[in-house]
Amino acid sequence: MAELEVVTVGLTGAEPVFADAAEAGDSFANDGKVFLYVKNGHAGAIKVTVDSVKECDQGHDHDLEITVPQFDDTLGSEDTGERMIGPFQPSRFNDEDNLVQITYDEHINVGVAAIRLP
């Protein structure tokens, strides 16, 4: 498991720091203004799971599961194989170290970046 570097975007922009998705998952520091940018270059769709650490008022822990489709370079396709997910409410998603934990059902050819809004 690796901790992703969080880059803050500003008026002049920011260059995301993409890392290869780790087989065991990744984490990032979260203050409620961070979102996850996922680029899927894998041969098929992947599922990204964001661990929810707080139970809802019904007593269930609802992890967030997002499907990121594969990149389709067919002429006219709108499917970029990319998703921006978040930002993440700290009370629901932060663990005891104020990190958000994420896992992937497939990590090969998947890039991830953590981006903070100002």
C-alpha atoms as a PDB file:
ATOM      1  CA  MET A   1       0.000   0.000   0.000  1.00  0.00           C
ATOM      2  CA  ALA A   2       1.296   3.423  -0.938  1.00  0.00           C
ATOM      3  CA  GLU A   3       0.352   6.909   0.206  1.00  0.00           C
ATOM      4  CA  LEU A   4      -0.383   9.178  -2.741  1.00  0.00           C
ATOM      5  CA  GLU A   5       1.067  12.680  -2.880  1.00  0.00           C
ATOM      6  CA  VAL A   6      -1.719  15.263  -2.702  1.00  0.00           C
ATOM      7  CA  VAL A   7      -1.321  18.146  -5.165  1.00  0.00           C
ATOM      8  CA  THR A   8      -3.285  21.379  -4.658  1.00  0.00           C
ATOM      9  CA  VAL A   9      -4.795  22.946  -7.771  1.00  0.00           C
ATOM     10  CA  GLY A  10      -4.828  26.732  -8.049  1.00  0.00           C
ATOM     11  CA  LEU A  11      -5.753  29.447 -10.508  1.00  0.00           C
ATOM     12  CA  THR A  12      -2.693  28.685 -12.608  1.00  0.00           C
ATOM     13  CA  GLY A  13      -3.502  24.959 -12.640  1.00  0.00           C
ATOM     14  CA  ALA A  14      -1.663  21.962 -11.291  1.00  0.00           C
ATOM     15  CA  GLU A  15       0.005  18.927 -12.771  1.00  0.00           C
ATOM     16  CA  PRO A  16      -1.402  15.769 -11.186  1.00  0.00           C
ATOM     17  CA  VAL A  17       1.215  13.389  -9.786  1.00  0.00           C
ATOM     18  CA  PHE A  18       0.056  10.008 -11.071  1.00  0.00           C
ATOM     19  CA  ALA A  19       1.216   6.821  -9.424  1.00  0.00           C
ATOM     20  CA  ASP A  20       0.651   3.252 -10.488  1.00  0.00           C
ATOM     21  CA  ALA A  21      -2.259   1.806  -8.521  1.00  0.00           C
ATOM     22  CA  ALA A  22      -0.776  -0.458  -5.852  1.00  0.00           C
ATOM     23  CA  GLU A  23      -1.880  -4.074  -5.758  1.00  0.00           C
ATOM     24  CA  ALA A  24      -2.662  -3.795  -2.033  1.00  0.00           C
ATOM     25  CA  GLY A  25      -4.379  -0.416  -2.483  1.00  0.00           C
ATOM     26  CA  ASP A  26      -3.462   3.192  -1.806  1.00  0.00           C
ATOM     27  CA  SER A  27      -4.251   5.971   0.638  1.00  0.00           C
ATOM     28  CA  PHE A  28      -4.111   9.749   0.725  1.00  0.00           C
ATOM     29  CA  ALA A  29      -4.364  12.522   3.315  1.00  0.00           C
ATOM     30  CA  ASN A  30      -7.826  14.066   3.313  1.00  0.00           C
ATOM     31  CA  ASP A  31      -9.204  17.351   4.631  1.00  0.00           C
ATOM     32  CA  GLY A  32     -12.521  17.117   2.789  1.00  0.00           C
ATOM     33  CA  LYS A  33     -11.246  18.956  -0.300  1.00  0.00           C
ATOM     34  CA  VAL A  34      -9.388  16.080  -1.968  1.00  0.00           C
ATOM     35  CA  PHE A  35     -10.601  14.033  -4.890  1.00  0.00           C
ATOM     36  CA  LEU A  36      -9.168  10.988  -6.618  1.00  0.00           C
ATOM     37  CA  TYR A  37      -8.335  11.026 -10.332  1.00  0.00           C
ATOM     38  CA  VAL A  38      -8.264   7.533 -11.878  1.00  0.00           C
ATOM     39  CA  LYS A  39      -6.947   6.721 -15.375  1.00  0.00           C
ATOM     40  CA  ASN A  40      -7.768   3.203 -16.553  1.00  0.00           C
ATOM     41  CA  GLY A  41      -5.481   1.781 -19.231  1.00  0.00           C
ATOM     42  CA  HIS A  42      -6.382  -1.798 -18.330  1.00  0.00           C
ATOM     43  CA  ALA A  43      -7.995  -4.144 -20.877  1.00  0.00           C
ATOM     44  CA  GLY A  44     -11.397  -3.886 -19.187  1.00  0.00           C
ATOM     45  CA  ALA A  45     -13.425  -1.881 -16.713  1.00  0.00           C
ATOM     46  CA  ILE A  46     -12.140  -1.773 -13.139  1.00  0.00           C
ATOM     47  CA  LYS A  47     -13.809  -1.210  -9.784  1.00  0.00           C
ATOM     48  CA  VAL A  48     -12.383   1.312  -7.320  1.00  0.00           C
ATOM     49  CA  THR A  49     -13.506   0.906  -3.708  1.00  0.00           C
ATOM     50  CA  VAL A  50     -13.232   3.750  -1.206  1.00  0.00           C
ATOM     51  CA  ASP A  51     -13.419   2.506   2.376  1.00  0.00           C
ATOM     52  CA  SER A  52     -16.127   4.110   4.470  1.00  0.00           C
ATOM     53  CA  VAL A  53     -15.180   3.955   8.146  1.00  0.00           C
ATOM     54  CA  LYS A  54     -18.451   5.260   9.575  1.00  0.00           C
ATOM     55  CA  GLU A  55     -21.667   3.309   9.785  1.00  0.00           C
ATOM     56  CA  CYS A  56     -24.855   4.955   8.568  1.00  0.00           C
ATOM     57  CA  ASP A  57     -27.767   5.561  10.930  1.00  0.00           C
ATOM     58  CA  GLN A  58     -29.034   2.065  10.034  1.00  0.00           C
ATOM     59  CA  GLY A  59     -25.804   0.497  11.295  1.00  0.00           C
ATOM     60  CA  HIS A  60     -24.289  -0.409   7.915  1.00  0.00           C
ATOM     61  CA  ASP A  61     -20.869   0.474   6.554  1.00  0.00           C
ATOM     62  CA  HIS A  62     -21.389   1.527   2.916  1.00  0.00           C
ATOM     63  CA  ASP A  63     -18.110   1.552   1.026  1.00  0.00           C
ATOM     64  CA  LEU A  64     -18.139   3.642  -2.130  1.00  0.00           C
ATOM     65  CA  GLU A  65     -17.679   1.509  -5.270  1.00  0.00           C
ATOM     66  CA  ILE A  66     -17.047   3.203  -8.614  1.00  0.00           C
ATOM     67  CA  THR A  67     -16.674   1.498 -11.981  1.00  0.00           C
ATOM     68  CA  VAL A  68     -14.066   3.080 -14.236  1.00  0.00           C
ATOM     69  CA  PRO A  69     -14.550   1.924 -17.835  1.00  0.00           C
ATOM     70  CA  GLN A  70     -11.662   0.968 -20.038  1.00  0.00           C
ATOM     71  CA  PHE A  71     -10.259   3.543 -22.405  1.00  0.00           C
ATOM     72  CA  ASP A  72     -11.921   3.319 -25.830  1.00  0.00           C
ATOM     73  CA  ASP A  73      -9.964   4.929 -28.629  1.00  0.00           C
ATOM     74  CA  THR A  74     -12.640   4.204 -31.231  1.00  0.00           C
ATOM     75  CA  LEU A  75     -13.272   7.260 -33.369  1.00  0.00           C
ATOM     76  CA  GLY A  76     -16.049   9.278 -31.790  1.00  0.00           C
ATOM     77  CA  SER A  77     -15.967   7.437 -28.471  1.00  0.00           C
ATOM     78  CA  GLU A  78     -16.529   9.603 -25.425  1.00  0.00           C
ATOM     79  CA  ASP A  79     -15.099   7.016 -23.060  1.00  0.00           C
ATOM     80  CA  THR A  80     -11.746   8.305 -21.861  1.00  0.00           C
ATOM     81  CA  GLY A  81     -11.250   5.605 -19.214  1.00  0.00           C
ATOM     82  CA  GLU A  82     -10.941   8.382 -16.617  1.00  0.00           C
ATOM     83  CA  ARG A  83     -12.968   9.275 -13.543  1.00  0.00           C
ATOM     84  CA  MET A  84     -12.675  11.996 -10.913  1.00  0.00           C
ATOM     85  CA  ILE A  85     -14.098  10.788  -7.623  1.00  0.00           C
ATOM     86  CA  GLY A  86     -14.790  12.854  -4.508  1.00  0.00           C
ATOM     87  CA  PRO A  87     -14.212  15.017  -2.582  1.00  0.00           C
ATOM     88  CA  PHE A  88     -14.548  12.807   0.490  1.00  0.00           C
ATOM     89  CA  GLN A  89     -16.303  13.775   3.723  1.00  0.00           C
ATOM     90  CA  PRO A  90     -13.694  13.231   6.487  1.00  0.00           C
ATOM     91  CA  SER A  91     -16.214  11.992   9.060  1.00  0.00           C
ATOM     92  CA  ARG A  92     -17.253   9.189   6.708  1.00  0.00           C
ATOM     93  CA  PHE A  93     -14.025   8.264   4.919  1.00  0.00           C
ATOM     94  CA  ASN A  94     -10.996   9.256   7.053  1.00  0.00           C
ATOM     95  CA  ASP A  95      -9.342   6.547   9.118  1.00  0.00           C
ATOM     96  CA  GLU A  96      -7.643   7.231  12.471  1.00  0.00           C
ATOM     97  CA  ASP A  97      -4.630   8.710  10.612  1.00  0.00           C
ATOM     98  CA  ASN A  98      -6.855  11.065   8.529  1.00  0.00           C
ATOM     99  CA  LEU A  99      -6.199   8.966   5.430  1.00  0.00           C
ATOM    100  CA  VAL A 100      -8.688   7.680   2.883  1.00  0.00           C
ATOM    101  CA  GLN A 101      -8.085   4.031   1.971  1.00  0.00           C
ATOM    102  CA  ILE A 102      -8.756   2.842  -1.582  1.00  0.00           C
ATOM    103  CA  THR A 103      -8.480  -0.542  -3.293  1.00  0.00           C
ATOM    104  CA  TYR A 104      -8.877  -1.759  -6.854  1.00  0.00           C
ATOM    105  CA  ASP A 105     -10.141  -5.038  -8.269  1.00  0.00           C
ATOM    106  CA  GLU A 106      -7.425  -4.632 -10.925  1.00  0.00           C
ATOM    107  CA  HIS A 107      -4.309  -2.467 -10.651  1.00  0.00           C
ATOM    108  CA  ILE A 108      -2.320  -3.175 -13.829  1.00  0.00           C
ATOM    109  CA  ASN A 109      -2.164  -0.150 -16.172  1.00  0.00           C
ATOM    110  CA  VAL A 110      -4.148   1.991 -13.737  1.00  0.00           C
ATOM    111  CA  GLY A 111      -2.890   5.420 -12.707  1.00  0.00           C
ATOM    112  CA  VAL A 112      -4.158   7.369  -9.686  1.00  0.00           C
ATOM    113  CA  ALA A 113      -3.607  10.912  -8.406  1.00  0.00           C
ATOM    114  CA  ALA A 114      -4.919  12.796  -5.374  1.00  0.00           C
ATOM    115  CA  ILE A 115      -5.859  16.413  -6.071  1.00  0.00           C
ATOM    116  CA  ARG A 116      -6.847  19.011  -3.461  1.00  0.00           C
ATOM    117  CA  LEU A 117      -9.140  21.903  -4.202  1.00  0.00           C
ATOM    118  CA  PRO A 118      -7.983  25.231  -2.721  1.00  0.00           C
END
